[in-house]
Every structure is written in structure tokens, then in C-alpha cells.
Amino acid sequence: MKALLQRVKCARVDVGNETVGEIGAGLLVLLGVGVKDGEAECDALAQKCAELRIFEDENGKMNRSVCDIGGRVLVVSQFTLFADTHHGRRPSFMEAARPETAEPLYERFLDRMRRTPGIGAVAHGRFGAEMAVSLVNDGPVTILLDTDEWAALRAQKRQ
């Protein structure tokens, strides 16, 4: 799984003329599910997103998580995080999970975030819909988390 985290002052997602999710200060999480992903990757990524210390403390250091500040989270499905651009000019999305696999993991991620103590609220987009995402990036701070990279690092350490 991949998550592109953006620390935001506010964020909103619209489907057509309807706002379906909106938050104040917190995290915008663009979430991609890959063909190799399952519940373990989903749970680990949700925990990492919730606990990642990218909010400033009283000394201006990134030392607080979204839970620590009582921040909000907006989660938007984003299969294009799995774009393969190595060949040609058109991205391939063969590594992105099919909707029937991706949607339950997206819902599981939302559930894990909702159950995380300290998170102020969890909003979300509409899975599979054409969405317009608006945000005010705070910092700017943008971080990519990739469970495939974590697995590769664990495998290297075992060797």
C-alpha cells in the first residue's frame, strides 16, 4: 500500500457539486492499494500514518503526530499512486489492486483511523468516483509511505 500524506491547514473533497469530506488542521491521506496488499499492510500503514510525528511541538520541531494534536484526517482513494512510468509515455496501473480488492482495504483503513485514539475526526472521499480535492498544505509537508519499501528493507536486514 502507498499513502501520500500532506500536513494540511484544511482539506476538502467534492464529487460533482457535493462536498463529501472536509477537515480542518490534520492530514490529507491519498491512499493507494496494490495487488500484493492485504490486511497486514493496511493495518501497519494506518498505524504509521496515525503515529508519524510530522506536526510541530512548542519548540518548532516535528515531534507530534496527528493523534497528539487531536488533528483530523481526510482519506481519499488514489490508485494512480501505483502508476508505472518506466516504459513509454502512458502510465501503467497493473500494480494497482482491482476495485473489488481495493475497496475493502480502503474501508478497513478508514475503520483503523476512526478507532485510533486522539484523532479528532475522519472524513473521506467516495471510492471510485471522480473527485476534486482542495487543500492548504501546511509547511509544506508531504511524505510518501510505501509498505513495499518497508518489506524490502526488512528482507535486506534479514540477509
N, C-alpha and C. Protein backbone atom coordinates (compact mmCIF):
# COMPACT_ATOMS: atom_id res chain seq x y z
N MET A 1 0.85 -1.18 0.00
CA MET A 1 0.00 0.00 0.00
C MET A 1 0.89 1.23 0.00
N LYS A 2 0.33 2.30 -0.51
CA LYS A 2 1.03 3.58 -0.51
C LYS A 2 0.10 4.64 0.05
N ALA A 3 0.70 5.56 0.79
CA ALA A 3 -0.05 6.70 1.30
C ALA A 3 0.80 7.94 1.07
N LEU A 4 0.23 8.92 0.40
CA LEU A 4 0.86 10.21 0.26
C LEU A 4 0.21 11.11 1.31
N LEU A 5 0.99 11.46 2.34
CA LEU A 5 0.49 12.27 3.45
C LEU A 5 0.81 13.73 3.19
N GLN A 6 -0.17 14.57 3.41
CA GLN A 6 0.06 16.00 3.37
C GLN A 6 -0.46 16.61 4.66
N ARG A 7 0.44 17.30 5.37
CA ARG A 7 0.02 18.03 6.56
C ARG A 7 -0.73 19.25 6.06
N VAL A 8 -1.98 19.42 6.50
CA VAL A 8 -2.82 20.47 5.94
C VAL A 8 -3.39 21.37 7.03
N LYS A 9 -3.68 22.60 6.62
CA LYS A 9 -4.44 23.51 7.47
C LYS A 9 -5.92 23.23 7.29
N CYS A 10 -6.29 22.81 6.07
CA CYS A 10 -7.66 22.38 5.77
C CYS A 10 -7.63 21.61 4.45
N ALA A 11 -8.63 20.76 4.25
CA ALA A 11 -8.74 19.99 3.01
C ALA A 11 -10.20 19.61 2.80
N ARG A 12 -10.55 19.43 1.51
CA ARG A 12 -11.92 19.11 1.16
C ARG A 12 -11.92 18.26 -0.10
N VAL A 13 -12.91 17.37 -0.19
CA VAL A 13 -13.08 16.59 -1.41
C VAL A 13 -14.53 16.72 -1.85
N ASP A 14 -14.69 17.04 -3.13
CA ASP A 14 -16.00 17.21 -3.74
C ASP A 14 -16.22 16.17 -4.82
N VAL A 15 -17.46 15.70 -4.92
CA VAL A 15 -17.90 14.84 -6.01
C VAL A 15 -19.04 15.60 -6.68
N GLY A 16 -18.80 16.03 -7.89
CA GLY A 16 -19.77 16.90 -8.56
C GLY A 16 -19.87 18.20 -7.80
N ASN A 17 -21.07 18.60 -7.46
CA ASN A 17 -21.30 19.82 -6.70
C ASN A 17 -21.46 19.58 -5.20
N GLU A 18 -21.15 18.35 -4.75
CA GLU A 18 -21.35 17.98 -3.35
C GLU A 18 -20.01 17.81 -2.64
N THR A 19 -19.86 18.45 -1.48
CA THR A 19 -18.70 18.21 -0.63
C THR A 19 -18.98 16.95 0.17
N VAL A 20 -18.14 15.92 -0.04
CA VAL A 20 -18.37 14.64 0.63
C VAL A 20 -17.46 14.44 1.84
N GLY A 21 -16.39 15.22 1.94
CA GLY A 21 -15.48 15.14 3.07
C GLY A 21 -14.74 16.44 3.24
N GLU A 22 -14.56 16.86 4.50
CA GLU A 22 -13.89 18.13 4.76
C GLU A 22 -13.29 18.09 6.16
N ILE A 23 -12.07 18.63 6.28
CA ILE A 23 -11.41 18.69 7.59
C ILE A 23 -10.74 20.05 7.76
N GLY A 24 -10.44 20.35 9.02
CA GLY A 24 -9.57 21.46 9.37
C GLY A 24 -8.15 20.93 9.46
N ALA A 25 -7.39 21.39 10.43
CA ALA A 25 -5.98 21.00 10.56
C ALA A 25 -5.83 19.50 10.78
N GLY A 26 -4.88 18.93 10.07
CA GLY A 26 -4.61 17.50 10.21
C GLY A 26 -3.88 16.94 9.02
N LEU A 27 -4.31 15.74 8.58
CA LEU A 27 -3.66 15.03 7.48
C LEU A 27 -4.63 14.75 6.35
N LEU A 28 -4.17 15.02 5.13
CA LEU A 28 -4.82 14.51 3.94
C LEU A 28 -4.03 13.27 3.55
N VAL A 29 -4.71 12.14 3.44
CA VAL A 29 -4.07 10.87 3.09
C VAL A 29 -4.62 10.43 1.74
N LEU A 30 -3.75 10.45 0.71
CA LEU A 30 -4.10 9.87 -0.57
C LEU A 30 -3.64 8.42 -0.49
N LEU A 31 -4.57 7.48 -0.59
CA LEU A 31 -4.31 6.07 -0.30
C LEU A 31 -4.43 5.21 -1.55
N GLY A 32 -3.35 4.48 -1.84
CA GLY A 32 -3.35 3.54 -2.95
C GLY A 32 -3.18 2.12 -2.47
N VAL A 33 -3.93 1.21 -3.06
CA VAL A 33 -3.86 -0.21 -2.71
C VAL A 33 -3.29 -0.97 -3.90
N GLY A 34 -2.26 -1.78 -3.62
CA GLY A 34 -1.61 -2.56 -4.66
C GLY A 34 -2.08 -4.00 -4.71
N VAL A 35 -1.72 -4.69 -5.77
CA VAL A 35 -2.16 -6.07 -5.97
C VAL A 35 -1.62 -7.02 -4.90
N LYS A 36 -0.50 -6.68 -4.27
CA LYS A 36 0.10 -7.56 -3.25
C LYS A 36 -0.39 -7.25 -1.84
N ASP A 37 -1.23 -6.24 -1.69
CA ASP A 37 -1.60 -5.76 -0.36
C ASP A 37 -2.73 -6.57 0.28
N GLY A 38 -2.66 -6.64 1.61
CA GLY A 38 -3.67 -7.32 2.39
C GLY A 38 -3.91 -6.58 3.70
N GLU A 39 -4.56 -7.25 4.62
CA GLU A 39 -4.92 -6.63 5.89
C GLU A 39 -3.71 -6.22 6.71
N ALA A 40 -2.63 -7.01 6.68
CA ALA A 40 -1.44 -6.68 7.47
C ALA A 40 -0.83 -5.37 7.00
N GLU A 41 -0.72 -5.19 5.70
CA GLU A 41 -0.17 -3.93 5.15
C GLU A 41 -1.07 -2.76 5.50
N CYS A 42 -2.37 -3.00 5.41
CA CYS A 42 -3.35 -1.95 5.70
C CYS A 42 -3.23 -1.49 7.15
N ASP A 43 -3.18 -2.44 8.07
CA ASP A 43 -3.10 -2.11 9.49
C ASP A 43 -1.80 -1.39 9.82
N ALA A 44 -0.69 -1.87 9.26
CA ALA A 44 0.61 -1.24 9.51
C ALA A 44 0.64 0.19 8.97
N LEU A 45 0.08 0.40 7.80
CA LEU A 45 0.09 1.73 7.20
C LEU A 45 -0.81 2.69 7.99
N ALA A 46 -1.96 2.22 8.42
CA ALA A 46 -2.84 3.08 9.22
C ALA A 46 -2.15 3.50 10.51
N GLN A 47 -1.48 2.56 11.15
CA GLN A 47 -0.77 2.88 12.39
C GLN A 47 0.35 3.89 12.13
N LYS A 48 1.10 3.69 11.07
CA LYS A 48 2.21 4.60 10.74
C LYS A 48 1.67 6.00 10.44
N CYS A 49 0.59 6.10 9.69
CA CYS A 49 0.00 7.41 9.38
C CYS A 49 -0.42 8.13 10.66
N ALA A 50 -1.04 7.39 11.57
CA ALA A 50 -1.53 7.98 12.82
C ALA A 50 -0.40 8.40 13.74
N GLU A 51 0.71 7.66 13.73
CA GLU A 51 1.77 7.90 14.69
C GLU A 51 2.95 8.71 14.16
N LEU A 52 2.99 8.96 12.86
CA LEU A 52 4.12 9.69 12.27
C LEU A 52 4.19 11.10 12.83
N ARG A 53 5.33 11.45 13.37
CA ARG A 53 5.49 12.75 14.04
C ARG A 53 5.91 13.82 13.04
N ILE A 54 4.92 14.45 12.42
CA ILE A 54 5.19 15.49 11.42
C ILE A 54 4.54 16.82 11.76
N PHE A 55 4.03 16.93 12.99
CA PHE A 55 3.47 18.19 13.45
C PHE A 55 4.42 18.80 14.47
N GLU A 56 4.51 20.11 14.45
CA GLU A 56 5.48 20.80 15.30
C GLU A 56 5.07 20.84 16.76
N ASP A 57 6.08 20.73 17.64
CA ASP A 57 5.87 20.91 19.07
C ASP A 57 6.10 22.38 19.42
N GLU A 58 6.14 22.69 20.71
CA GLU A 58 6.30 24.07 21.17
C GLU A 58 7.66 24.66 20.79
N ASN A 59 8.63 23.80 20.41
CA ASN A 59 9.95 24.27 20.00
C ASN A 59 10.11 24.33 18.49
N GLY A 60 9.02 24.10 17.76
CA GLY A 60 9.07 24.15 16.30
C GLY A 60 9.65 22.91 15.66
N LYS A 61 9.83 21.84 16.41
CA LYS A 61 10.36 20.59 15.86
C LYS A 61 9.20 19.66 15.50
N MET A 62 9.37 18.90 14.43
CA MET A 62 8.37 17.90 14.07
C MET A 62 8.47 16.77 15.08
N ASN A 63 7.60 16.83 16.08
CA ASN A 63 7.70 15.90 17.19
C ASN A 63 6.34 15.40 17.66
N ARG A 64 5.28 15.76 16.93
CA ARG A 64 3.92 15.35 17.33
C ARG A 64 3.23 14.67 16.16
N SER A 65 2.38 13.73 16.50
CA SER A 65 1.58 13.03 15.49
C SER A 65 0.21 13.70 15.37
N VAL A 66 -0.55 13.27 14.39
CA VAL A 66 -1.92 13.78 14.25
C VAL A 66 -2.74 13.44 15.49
N CYS A 67 -2.44 12.31 16.12
CA CYS A 67 -3.12 11.93 17.37
C CYS A 67 -2.76 12.88 18.50
N ASP A 68 -1.49 13.22 18.57
CA ASP A 68 -1.01 14.10 19.65
C ASP A 68 -1.67 15.48 19.60
N ILE A 69 -1.99 15.95 18.41
CA ILE A 69 -2.58 17.29 18.29
C ILE A 69 -4.09 17.26 18.20
N GLY A 70 -4.69 16.06 18.23
CA GLY A 70 -6.13 15.95 18.07
C GLY A 70 -6.58 16.37 16.69
N GLY A 71 -5.70 16.15 15.70
CA GLY A 71 -5.99 16.57 14.32
C GLY A 71 -6.99 15.67 13.64
N ARG A 72 -7.42 16.13 12.49
CA ARG A 72 -8.39 15.40 11.69
C ARG A 72 -7.68 14.73 10.52
N VAL A 73 -8.36 13.76 9.92
CA VAL A 73 -7.80 13.02 8.80
C VAL A 73 -8.84 12.95 7.68
N LEU A 74 -8.40 13.24 6.46
CA LEU A 74 -9.23 13.08 5.26
C LEU A 74 -8.54 12.05 4.38
N VAL A 75 -9.23 10.96 4.08
CA VAL A 75 -8.67 9.86 3.30
C VAL A 75 -9.36 9.82 1.93
N VAL A 76 -8.53 9.80 0.88
CA VAL A 76 -9.03 9.78 -0.50
C VAL A 76 -8.36 8.63 -1.24
N SER A 77 -9.15 7.75 -1.84
CA SER A 77 -8.58 6.65 -2.62
C SER A 77 -7.85 7.20 -3.84
N GLN A 78 -6.69 6.59 -4.14
CA GLN A 78 -5.83 7.16 -5.20
C GLN A 78 -5.03 6.04 -5.86
N PHE A 79 -5.67 5.29 -6.76
CA PHE A 79 -4.98 4.17 -7.41
C PHE A 79 -3.80 4.63 -8.24
N THR A 80 -3.77 5.89 -8.65
CA THR A 80 -2.69 6.38 -9.50
C THR A 80 -1.35 6.45 -8.78
N LEU A 81 -1.33 6.26 -7.46
CA LEU A 81 -0.05 6.16 -6.75
C LEU A 81 0.74 4.94 -7.22
N PHE A 82 0.07 4.00 -7.86
CA PHE A 82 0.74 2.80 -8.37
C PHE A 82 1.07 2.91 -9.86
N ALA A 83 1.13 4.11 -10.38
CA ALA A 83 1.48 4.31 -11.79
C ALA A 83 2.90 3.84 -12.05
N ASP A 84 3.07 3.04 -13.07
CA ASP A 84 4.40 2.63 -13.53
C ASP A 84 4.70 3.44 -14.78
N THR A 85 5.73 4.27 -14.69
CA THR A 85 6.07 5.17 -15.80
C THR A 85 7.42 4.81 -16.43
N HIS A 86 7.90 3.59 -16.18
CA HIS A 86 9.22 3.19 -16.68
C HIS A 86 9.26 3.06 -18.21
N HIS A 87 8.16 2.69 -18.82
CA HIS A 87 8.16 2.42 -20.26
C HIS A 87 7.15 3.31 -20.95
N GLY A 88 7.57 3.92 -22.02
CA GLY A 88 6.65 4.72 -22.83
C GLY A 88 6.20 5.99 -22.12
N ARG A 89 5.13 6.54 -22.63
CA ARG A 89 4.63 7.81 -22.12
C ARG A 89 3.29 7.69 -21.40
N ARG A 90 2.68 6.53 -21.49
CA ARG A 90 1.40 6.32 -20.81
C ARG A 90 1.64 5.44 -19.58
N PRO A 91 1.21 5.90 -18.41
CA PRO A 91 1.42 5.09 -17.20
C PRO A 91 0.62 3.79 -17.25
N SER A 92 1.22 2.77 -16.67
CA SER A 92 0.53 1.50 -16.49
C SER A 92 0.07 1.43 -15.04
N PHE A 93 -1.09 0.86 -14.82
CA PHE A 93 -1.63 0.73 -13.47
C PHE A 93 -1.82 -0.74 -13.09
N MET A 94 -1.02 -1.62 -13.68
CA MET A 94 -1.14 -3.06 -13.45
C MET A 94 -0.85 -3.44 -11.99
N GLU A 95 -0.10 -2.63 -11.27
CA GLU A 95 0.23 -2.94 -9.87
C GLU A 95 -0.83 -2.44 -8.90
N ALA A 96 -1.80 -1.67 -9.39
CA ALA A 96 -2.91 -1.21 -8.53
C ALA A 96 -3.93 -2.34 -8.41
N ALA A 97 -4.44 -2.51 -7.21
CA ALA A 97 -5.44 -3.56 -6.98
C ALA A 97 -6.74 -3.23 -7.69
N ARG A 98 -7.45 -4.26 -8.10
CA ARG A 98 -8.77 -4.10 -8.71
C ARG A 98 -9.73 -3.56 -7.65
N PRO A 99 -10.77 -2.86 -8.05
CA PRO A 99 -11.70 -2.26 -7.08
C PRO A 99 -12.28 -3.25 -6.07
N GLU A 100 -12.58 -4.47 -6.50
CA GLU A 100 -13.18 -5.45 -5.58
C GLU A 100 -12.21 -5.86 -4.47
N THR A 101 -10.92 -5.69 -4.69
CA THR A 101 -9.90 -5.94 -3.66
C THR A 101 -9.57 -4.66 -2.91
N ALA A 102 -9.45 -3.56 -3.63
CA ALA A 102 -9.01 -2.30 -3.04
C ALA A 102 -10.05 -1.68 -2.11
N GLU A 103 -11.31 -1.73 -2.47
CA GLU A 103 -12.33 -1.05 -1.66
C GLU A 103 -12.44 -1.59 -0.24
N PRO A 104 -12.44 -2.93 -0.03
CA PRO A 104 -12.49 -3.41 1.35
C PRO A 104 -11.27 -2.98 2.18
N LEU A 105 -10.10 -2.90 1.55
CA LEU A 105 -8.91 -2.46 2.28
C LEU A 105 -8.96 -0.95 2.56
N TYR A 106 -9.52 -0.20 1.64
CA TYR A 106 -9.75 1.24 1.87
C TYR A 106 -10.70 1.43 3.06
N GLU A 107 -11.77 0.65 3.09
CA GLU A 107 -12.72 0.73 4.21
C GLU A 107 -12.07 0.29 5.52
N ARG A 108 -11.23 -0.72 5.46
CA ARG A 108 -10.51 -1.17 6.66
C ARG A 108 -9.59 -0.06 7.17
N PHE A 109 -8.88 0.60 6.24
CA PHE A 109 -8.00 1.71 6.62
C PHE A 109 -8.81 2.80 7.33
N LEU A 110 -9.95 3.17 6.77
CA LEU A 110 -10.82 4.16 7.39
C LEU A 110 -11.23 3.73 8.80
N ASP A 111 -11.60 2.47 8.94
CA ASP A 111 -12.01 1.95 10.24
C ASP A 111 -10.87 2.04 11.25
N ARG A 112 -9.66 1.67 10.82
CA ARG A 112 -8.50 1.74 11.72
C ARG A 112 -8.24 3.19 12.15
N MET A 113 -8.37 4.11 11.23
CA MET A 113 -8.14 5.52 11.57
C MET A 113 -9.22 6.01 12.54
N ARG A 114 -10.46 5.63 12.31
CA ARG A 114 -11.56 6.03 13.20
C ARG A 114 -11.38 5.50 14.62
N ARG A 115 -10.79 4.31 14.73
CA ARG A 115 -10.59 3.68 16.04
C ARG A 115 -9.35 4.17 16.77
N THR A 116 -8.55 4.99 16.11
CA THR A 116 -7.29 5.44 16.71
C THR A 116 -7.56 6.55 17.71
N PRO A 117 -7.19 6.33 18.98
CA PRO A 117 -7.39 7.37 19.99
C PRO A 117 -6.61 8.64 19.64
N GLY A 118 -7.25 9.78 19.85
CA GLY A 118 -6.59 11.06 19.63
C GLY A 118 -6.94 11.73 18.32
N ILE A 119 -7.35 10.95 17.33
CA ILE A 119 -7.72 11.57 16.05
C ILE A 119 -9.06 12.26 16.23
N GLY A 120 -9.11 13.55 15.84
CA GLY A 120 -10.31 14.34 16.07
C GLY A 120 -11.52 13.88 15.27
N ALA A 121 -11.33 13.57 14.02
CA ALA A 121 -12.41 13.11 13.14
C ALA A 121 -11.77 12.53 11.89
N VAL A 122 -12.50 11.64 11.22
CA VAL A 122 -12.03 11.05 9.97
C VAL A 122 -13.10 11.29 8.91
N ALA A 123 -12.69 11.94 7.84
CA ALA A 123 -13.58 12.16 6.69
C ALA A 123 -12.98 11.40 5.51
N HIS A 124 -13.75 11.27 4.45
CA HIS A 124 -13.24 10.51 3.30
C HIS A 124 -13.93 10.94 2.02
N GLY A 125 -13.28 10.55 0.93
CA GLY A 125 -13.86 10.75 -0.39
C GLY A 125 -14.83 9.63 -0.70
N ARG A 126 -15.16 9.48 -1.96
CA ARG A 126 -16.06 8.42 -2.41
C ARG A 126 -15.27 7.48 -3.30
N PHE A 127 -15.11 6.25 -2.85
CA PHE A 127 -14.28 5.29 -3.58
C PHE A 127 -14.74 5.18 -5.03
N GLY A 128 -13.78 5.27 -5.94
CA GLY A 128 -14.05 5.07 -7.36
C GLY A 128 -14.67 6.25 -8.09
N ALA A 129 -14.98 7.30 -7.38
CA ALA A 129 -15.63 8.46 -8.01
C ALA A 129 -14.59 9.43 -8.56
N GLU A 130 -15.02 10.25 -9.51
CA GLU A 130 -14.21 11.40 -9.95
C GLU A 130 -14.32 12.44 -8.85
N MET A 131 -13.20 12.81 -8.27
CA MET A 131 -13.23 13.73 -7.13
C MET A 131 -12.35 14.94 -7.40
N ALA A 132 -12.72 16.06 -6.79
CA ALA A 132 -11.90 17.26 -6.79
C ALA A 132 -11.41 17.46 -5.36
N VAL A 133 -10.10 17.45 -5.18
CA VAL A 133 -9.51 17.59 -3.85
C VAL A 133 -8.89 18.97 -3.74
N SER A 134 -9.27 19.69 -2.69
CA SER A 134 -8.72 21.02 -2.41
C SER A 134 -8.02 20.96 -1.07
N LEU A 135 -6.89 21.66 -0.96
CA LEU A 135 -6.17 21.64 0.30
C LEU A 135 -5.29 22.87 0.44
N VAL A 136 -4.97 23.16 1.69
CA VAL A 136 -3.94 24.15 2.00
C VAL A 136 -2.87 23.37 2.73
N ASN A 137 -1.75 23.09 2.04
CA ASN A 137 -0.66 22.31 2.60
C ASN A 137 0.06 23.16 3.64
N ASP A 138 0.31 22.60 4.79
CA ASP A 138 0.94 23.30 5.91
C ASP A 138 2.42 22.97 5.95
N GLY A 139 3.25 23.91 5.65
CA GLY A 139 4.70 23.71 5.73
C GLY A 139 5.45 24.20 4.50
N PRO A 140 5.30 23.60 3.36
CA PRO A 140 4.55 22.39 3.04
C PRO A 140 5.25 21.13 3.55
N VAL A 141 4.44 20.18 3.98
CA VAL A 141 4.94 18.88 4.39
C VAL A 141 4.17 17.82 3.60
N THR A 142 4.91 17.04 2.80
CA THR A 142 4.34 15.96 2.01
C THR A 142 5.27 14.76 2.11
N ILE A 143 4.74 13.61 2.51
CA ILE A 143 5.56 12.42 2.75
C ILE A 143 4.90 11.21 2.12
N LEU A 144 5.70 10.40 1.42
CA LEU A 144 5.21 9.18 0.81
C LEU A 144 5.58 7.99 1.69
N LEU A 145 4.59 7.19 2.05
CA LEU A 145 4.80 5.95 2.79
C LEU A 145 4.45 4.79 1.86
N ASP A 146 5.31 3.76 1.83
CA ASP A 146 5.15 2.65 0.90
C ASP A 146 5.46 1.34 1.62
N THR A 147 4.47 0.50 1.82
CA THR A 147 4.69 -0.75 2.55
C THR A 147 5.60 -1.71 1.79
N ASP A 148 5.64 -1.63 0.44
CA ASP A 148 6.57 -2.47 -0.33
C ASP A 148 8.01 -2.14 0.02
N GLU A 149 8.31 -0.85 0.19
CA GLU A 149 9.67 -0.46 0.57
C GLU A 149 10.02 -0.98 1.96
N TRP A 150 9.04 -0.96 2.88
CA TRP A 150 9.29 -1.48 4.23
C TRP A 150 9.64 -2.96 4.17
N ALA A 151 8.89 -3.71 3.35
CA ALA A 151 9.13 -5.15 3.24
C ALA A 151 10.52 -5.42 2.65
N ALA A 152 10.92 -4.63 1.66
CA ALA A 152 12.24 -4.80 1.05
C ALA A 152 13.35 -4.51 2.07
N LEU A 153 13.16 -3.49 2.88
CA LEU A 153 14.16 -3.16 3.91
C LEU A 153 14.26 -4.27 4.96
N ARG A 154 13.11 -4.82 5.36
CA ARG A 154 13.13 -5.93 6.33
C ARG A 154 13.86 -7.14 5.75
N ALA A 155 13.64 -7.41 4.46
CA ALA A 155 14.29 -8.54 3.82
C ALA A 155 15.81 -8.33 3.76
N GLN A 156 16.25 -7.12 3.48
CA GLN A 156 17.69 -6.82 3.44
C GLN A 156 18.32 -7.02 4.82
N LYS A 157 17.64 -6.60 5.85
CA LYS A 157 18.17 -6.73 7.22
C LYS A 157 18.31 -8.18 7.64
N ARG A 158 17.44 -9.05 7.11
CA ARG A 158 17.49 -10.47 7.47
C ARG A 158 18.66 -11.17 6.78
N GLN A 159 19.16 -10.62 5.69
CA GLN A 159 20.23 -11.27 4.93
C GLN A 159 21.59 -11.09 5.56
